[in-house]
Amino acid sequence: MSKLVVVIHVIASIVGIGPAFVLPILTSSAKTGSQLRFVFGLMKKINRFPKTGGITLIVTGILLMIIDKMGLSVLWLNLSLLFFIVIEVIIIGMVEPRLKKLTQLVMTSEGEEIPDGYTTAMNKIAPLEAAVHVLTIVIIILMVVKPV
């Protein structure tokens, strides 16, 4: 049972984390209005995966804590949970509202010009995404190395 939950946990992390690392690359690669609209349309479809993966990570993580009788007695696990909560706060509370407004701006724009305000808005989102990436890498390291 434990191995199956670990497999589901790892798959959920790939499904949940992958888009978070790829989507910023796609948005920064768009050079025209139509490319930007395509990327934001794609992003809308792909953003289901991080949400599903994140929920699955929490559920399987708690299951593993129960199965392995770890509870909250292990520092690396507590740090991982704390960082995951911080990531969710950043994404749900800061990134998603800004991306929602930005998506509206991009999807209602016409022509091949990048919409006015797009670059400024993305420059405000980029440091938040970078923080999420750093925390995600730290969590992965903690999960793999499991320091005492």
C-alpha atoms as a PDB file:
ATOM      1  CA  MET A   1       0.000   0.000   0.000  1.00  0.00           C
ATOM      2  CA  SER A   2       2.783   2.413   0.954  1.00  0.00           C
ATOM      3  CA  LYS A   3       4.621   1.939  -2.363  1.00  0.00           C
ATOM      4  CA  LEU A   4       1.453   2.591  -4.356  1.00  0.00           C
ATOM      5  CA  VAL A   5       0.827   5.816  -2.427  1.00  0.00           C
ATOM      6  CA  VAL A   6       4.457   6.868  -3.040  1.00  0.00           C
ATOM      7  CA  VAL A   7       4.044   6.229  -6.786  1.00  0.00           C
ATOM      8  CA  ILE A   8       0.837   8.284  -6.850  1.00  0.00           C
ATOM      9  CA  HIS A   9       2.606  11.009  -4.819  1.00  0.00           C
ATOM     10  CA  VAL A  10       5.524  11.158  -7.277  1.00  0.00           C
ATOM     11  CA  ILE A  11       3.230  11.190 -10.331  1.00  0.00           C
ATOM     12  CA  ALA A  12       1.148  13.950  -8.729  1.00  0.00           C
ATOM     13  CA  SER A  13       4.292  15.990  -8.149  1.00  0.00           C
ATOM     14  CA  ILE A  14       5.302  15.677 -11.806  1.00  0.00           C
ATOM     15  CA  VAL A  15       1.794  16.531 -13.017  1.00  0.00           C
ATOM     16  CA  GLY A  16       1.500  19.400 -10.544  1.00  0.00           C
ATOM     17  CA  ILE A  17       4.967  20.867 -10.816  1.00  0.00           C
ATOM     18  CA  GLY A  18       5.751  20.426 -14.517  1.00  0.00           C
ATOM     19  CA  PRO A  19       3.381  23.095 -15.833  1.00  0.00           C
ATOM     20  CA  ALA A  20       4.544  25.590 -13.196  1.00  0.00           C
ATOM     21  CA  PHE A  21       8.046  25.418 -14.654  1.00  0.00           C
ATOM     22  CA  VAL A  22       7.055  25.271 -18.338  1.00  0.00           C
ATOM     23  CA  LEU A  23       4.349  27.940 -18.559  1.00  0.00           C
ATOM     24  CA  PRO A  24       6.591  30.920 -17.680  1.00  0.00           C
ATOM     25  CA  ILE A  25       8.954  29.841 -20.461  1.00  0.00           C
ATOM     26  CA  LEU A  26       6.058  29.718 -22.915  1.00  0.00           C
ATOM     27  CA  THR A  27       4.720  33.142 -21.934  1.00  0.00           C
ATOM     28  CA  SER A  28       8.145  34.729 -22.247  1.00  0.00           C
ATOM     29  CA  SER A  29       8.651  33.095 -25.659  1.00  0.00           C
ATOM     30  CA  ALA A  30       5.577  34.678 -27.247  1.00  0.00           C
ATOM     31  CA  LYS A  31       6.613  37.571 -29.503  1.00  0.00           C
ATOM     32  CA  THR A  32       3.313  38.512 -31.153  1.00  0.00           C
ATOM     33  CA  GLY A  33      -0.247  39.089 -30.017  1.00  0.00           C
ATOM     34  CA  SER A  34      -1.496  35.897 -31.653  1.00  0.00           C
ATOM     35  CA  GLN A  35       1.303  33.840 -30.073  1.00  0.00           C
ATOM     36  CA  LEU A  36       0.452  35.357 -26.705  1.00  0.00           C
ATOM     37  CA  ARG A  37      -3.253  34.561 -27.110  1.00  0.00           C
ATOM     38  CA  PHE A  38      -2.350  30.988 -28.070  1.00  0.00           C
ATOM     39  CA  VAL A  39      -0.085  30.602 -25.008  1.00  0.00           C
ATOM     40  CA  PHE A  40      -2.701  32.033 -22.638  1.00  0.00           C
ATOM     41  CA  GLY A  41      -5.371  29.771 -24.131  1.00  0.00           C
ATOM     42  CA  LEU A  42      -3.047  26.829 -23.620  1.00  0.00           C
ATOM     43  CA  MET A  43      -2.256  27.982 -20.091  1.00  0.00           C
ATOM     44  CA  LYS A  44      -5.959  28.036 -19.239  1.00  0.00           C
ATOM     45  CA  LYS A  45      -6.226  24.377 -20.266  1.00  0.00           C
ATOM     46  CA  ILE A  46      -2.996  23.247 -18.592  1.00  0.00           C
ATOM     47  CA  ASN A  47      -3.641  25.010 -15.273  1.00  0.00           C
ATOM     48  CA  ARG A  48      -6.009  22.219 -14.235  1.00  0.00           C
ATOM     49  CA  PHE A  49      -3.047  19.910 -13.755  1.00  0.00           C
ATOM     50  CA  PRO A  50      -1.239  21.843 -10.995  1.00  0.00           C
ATOM     51  CA  LYS A  51      -4.473  22.133  -9.013  1.00  0.00           C
ATOM     52  CA  THR A  52      -5.258  18.427  -9.311  1.00  0.00           C
ATOM     53  CA  GLY A  53      -1.630  17.507  -8.647  1.00  0.00           C
ATOM     54  CA  GLY A  54      -1.466  19.798  -5.611  1.00  0.00           C
ATOM     55  CA  ILE A  55      -4.583  18.319  -4.030  1.00  0.00           C
ATOM     56  CA  THR A  56      -3.318  14.799  -4.728  1.00  0.00           C
ATOM     57  CA  LEU A  57       0.067  15.692  -3.198  1.00  0.00           C
ATOM     58  CA  ILE A  58      -1.548  16.833   0.032  1.00  0.00           C
ATOM     59  CA  VAL A  59      -3.811  13.779   0.273  1.00  0.00           C
ATOM     60  CA  THR A  60      -1.077  11.255  -0.532  1.00  0.00           C
ATOM     61  CA  GLY A  61       1.423  13.095   1.676  1.00  0.00           C
ATOM     62  CA  ILE A  62      -0.924  12.898   4.662  1.00  0.00           C
ATOM     63  CA  LEU A  63      -1.638   9.239   3.849  1.00  0.00           C
ATOM     64  CA  LEU A  64       2.093   8.496   3.814  1.00  0.00           C
ATOM     65  CA  MET A  65       2.509  10.270   7.151  1.00  0.00           C
ATOM     66  CA  ILE A  66      -0.234   8.061   8.614  1.00  0.00           C
ATOM     67  CA  ILE A  67       0.989   4.836   6.980  1.00  0.00           C
ATOM     68  CA  ASP A  68       4.608   5.425   8.029  1.00  0.00           C
ATOM     69  CA  LYS A  69       3.526   6.712  11.467  1.00  0.00           C
ATOM     70  CA  MET A  70       5.653   9.828  11.047  1.00  0.00           C
ATOM     71  CA  GLY A  71       3.166  12.438  12.155  1.00  0.00           C
ATOM     72  CA  LEU A  72       4.726  15.866  12.462  1.00  0.00           C
ATOM     73  CA  SER A  73       7.821  14.691  14.312  1.00  0.00           C
ATOM     74  CA  VAL A  74      10.266  15.061  11.415  1.00  0.00           C
ATOM     75  CA  LEU A  75      11.810  18.461  10.640  1.00  0.00           C
ATOM     76  CA  TRP A  76      12.247  17.974   6.871  1.00  0.00           C
ATOM     77  CA  LEU A  77       8.608  16.950   6.576  1.00  0.00           C
ATOM     78  CA  ASN A  78       7.413  19.956   8.588  1.00  0.00           C
ATOM     79  CA  LEU A  79       9.534  22.268   6.438  1.00  0.00           C
ATOM     80  CA  SER A  80       8.178  20.656   3.270  1.00  0.00           C
ATOM     81  CA  LEU A  81       4.607  21.179   4.454  1.00  0.00           C
ATOM     82  CA  LEU A  82       5.327  24.764   5.466  1.00  0.00           C
ATOM     83  CA  PHE A  83       6.952  25.549   2.107  1.00  0.00           C
ATOM     84  CA  PHE A  84       4.052  23.891   0.276  1.00  0.00           C
ATOM     85  CA  ILE A  85       1.581  26.089   2.175  1.00  0.00           C
ATOM     86  CA  VAL A  86       3.667  29.172   1.321  1.00  0.00           C
ATOM     87  CA  ILE A  87       3.659  28.108  -2.348  1.00  0.00           C
ATOM     88  CA  GLU A  88      -0.120  27.737  -2.325  1.00  0.00           C
ATOM     89  CA  VAL A  89      -0.561  31.162  -0.690  1.00  0.00           C
ATOM     90  CA  ILE A  90       1.691  32.752  -3.315  1.00  0.00           C
ATOM     91  CA  ILE A  91      -0.063  31.015  -6.204  1.00  0.00           C
ATOM     92  CA  ILE A  92      -3.674  31.324  -5.040  1.00  0.00           C
ATOM     93  CA  GLY A  93      -3.364  34.694  -3.328  1.00  0.00           C
ATOM     94  CA  MET A  94      -0.918  36.549  -5.559  1.00  0.00           C
ATOM     95  CA  VAL A  95      -0.184  34.896  -8.904  1.00  0.00           C
ATOM     96  CA  GLU A  96      -3.641  33.656  -9.944  1.00  0.00           C
ATOM     97  CA  PRO A  97      -5.479  36.989  -9.435  1.00  0.00           C
ATOM     98  CA  ARG A  98      -2.820  38.799 -11.468  1.00  0.00           C
ATOM     99  CA  LEU A  99      -2.811  36.123 -14.159  1.00  0.00           C
ATOM    100  CA  LYS A 100      -6.594  36.277 -14.361  1.00  0.00           C
ATOM    101  CA  LYS A 101      -6.473  40.016 -15.114  1.00  0.00           C
ATOM    102  CA  LEU A 102      -3.584  39.498 -17.504  1.00  0.00           C
ATOM    103  CA  THR A 103      -5.427  36.693 -19.301  1.00  0.00           C
ATOM    104  CA  GLN A 104      -8.401  39.018 -19.770  1.00  0.00           C
ATOM    105  CA  LEU A 105      -6.086  41.690 -21.196  1.00  0.00           C
ATOM    106  CA  VAL A 106      -4.384  39.250 -23.572  1.00  0.00           C
ATOM    107  CA  MET A 107      -7.501  37.418 -24.737  1.00  0.00           C
ATOM    108  CA  THR A 108      -9.414  40.632 -25.506  1.00  0.00           C
ATOM    109  CA  SER A 109      -6.505  42.158 -27.410  1.00  0.00           C
ATOM    110  CA  GLU A 110      -6.492  42.146 -31.187  1.00  0.00           C
ATOM    111  CA  GLY A 111      -3.749  42.278 -33.750  1.00  0.00           C
ATOM    112  CA  GLU A 112      -0.125  41.286 -33.492  1.00  0.00           C
ATOM    113  CA  GLU A 113       1.059  43.862 -30.965  1.00  0.00           C
ATOM    114  CA  ILE A 114       1.733  42.783 -27.394  1.00  0.00           C
ATOM    115  CA  PRO A 115      -0.966  44.538 -25.313  1.00  0.00           C
ATOM    116  CA  ASP A 116      -0.001  47.668 -23.377  1.00  0.00           C
ATOM    117  CA  GLY A 117       0.650  46.826 -19.752  1.00  0.00           C
ATOM    118  CA  TYR A 118       1.483  43.187 -20.444  1.00  0.00           C
ATOM    119  CA  THR A 119       5.231  43.461 -19.826  1.00  0.00           C
ATOM    120  CA  THR A 120       4.770  45.501 -16.640  1.00  0.00           C
ATOM    121  CA  ALA A 121       2.243  42.980 -15.298  1.00  0.00           C
ATOM    122  CA  MET A 122       4.489  40.016 -16.153  1.00  0.00           C
ATOM    123  CA  ASN A 123       7.427  41.719 -14.439  1.00  0.00           C
ATOM    124  CA  LYS A 124       5.346  41.770 -11.239  1.00  0.00           C
ATOM    125  CA  ILE A 125       4.425  38.095 -11.586  1.00  0.00           C
ATOM    126  CA  ALA A 126       7.920  36.806 -12.488  1.00  0.00           C
ATOM    127  CA  PRO A 127       9.489  37.206  -8.995  1.00  0.00           C
ATOM    128  CA  LEU A 128       6.521  35.394  -7.449  1.00  0.00           C
ATOM    129  CA  GLU A 129       6.921  32.525  -9.911  1.00  0.00           C
ATOM    130  CA  ALA A 130      10.660  32.460  -9.179  1.00  0.00           C
ATOM    131  CA  ALA A 131       9.937  32.176  -5.443  1.00  0.00           C
ATOM    132  CA  VAL A 132       7.558  29.283  -6.145  1.00  0.00           C
ATOM    133  CA  HIS A 133      10.240  27.576  -8.254  1.00  0.00           C
ATOM    134  CA  VAL A 134      12.903  27.947  -5.550  1.00  0.00           C
ATOM    135  CA  LEU A 135      10.579  26.645  -2.823  1.00  0.00           C
ATOM    136  CA  THR A 136       9.539  23.748  -5.055  1.00  0.00           C
ATOM    137  CA  ILE A 137      13.165  22.764  -5.635  1.00  0.00           C
ATOM    138  CA  VAL A 138      13.837  22.982  -1.889  1.00  0.00           C
ATOM    139  CA  ILE A 139      10.852  20.701  -1.213  1.00  0.00           C
ATOM    140  CA  ILE A 140      12.079  18.184  -3.794  1.00  0.00           C
ATOM    141  CA  ILE A 141      15.535  18.189  -2.201  1.00  0.00           C
ATOM    142  CA  LEU A 142      14.010  17.707   1.263  1.00  0.00           C
ATOM    143  CA  MET A 143      11.820  14.845   0.004  1.00  0.00           C
ATOM    144  CA  VAL A 144      14.719  13.066  -1.675  1.00  0.00           C
ATOM    145  CA  VAL A 145      17.508  13.667   0.849  1.00  0.00           C
ATOM    146  CA  LYS A 146      15.283  13.519   3.968  1.00  0.00           C
ATOM    147  CA  PRO A 147      17.802  15.184   6.274  1.00  0.00           C
ATOM    148  CA  VAL A 148      17.368  14.526   9.974  1.00  0.00           C
END
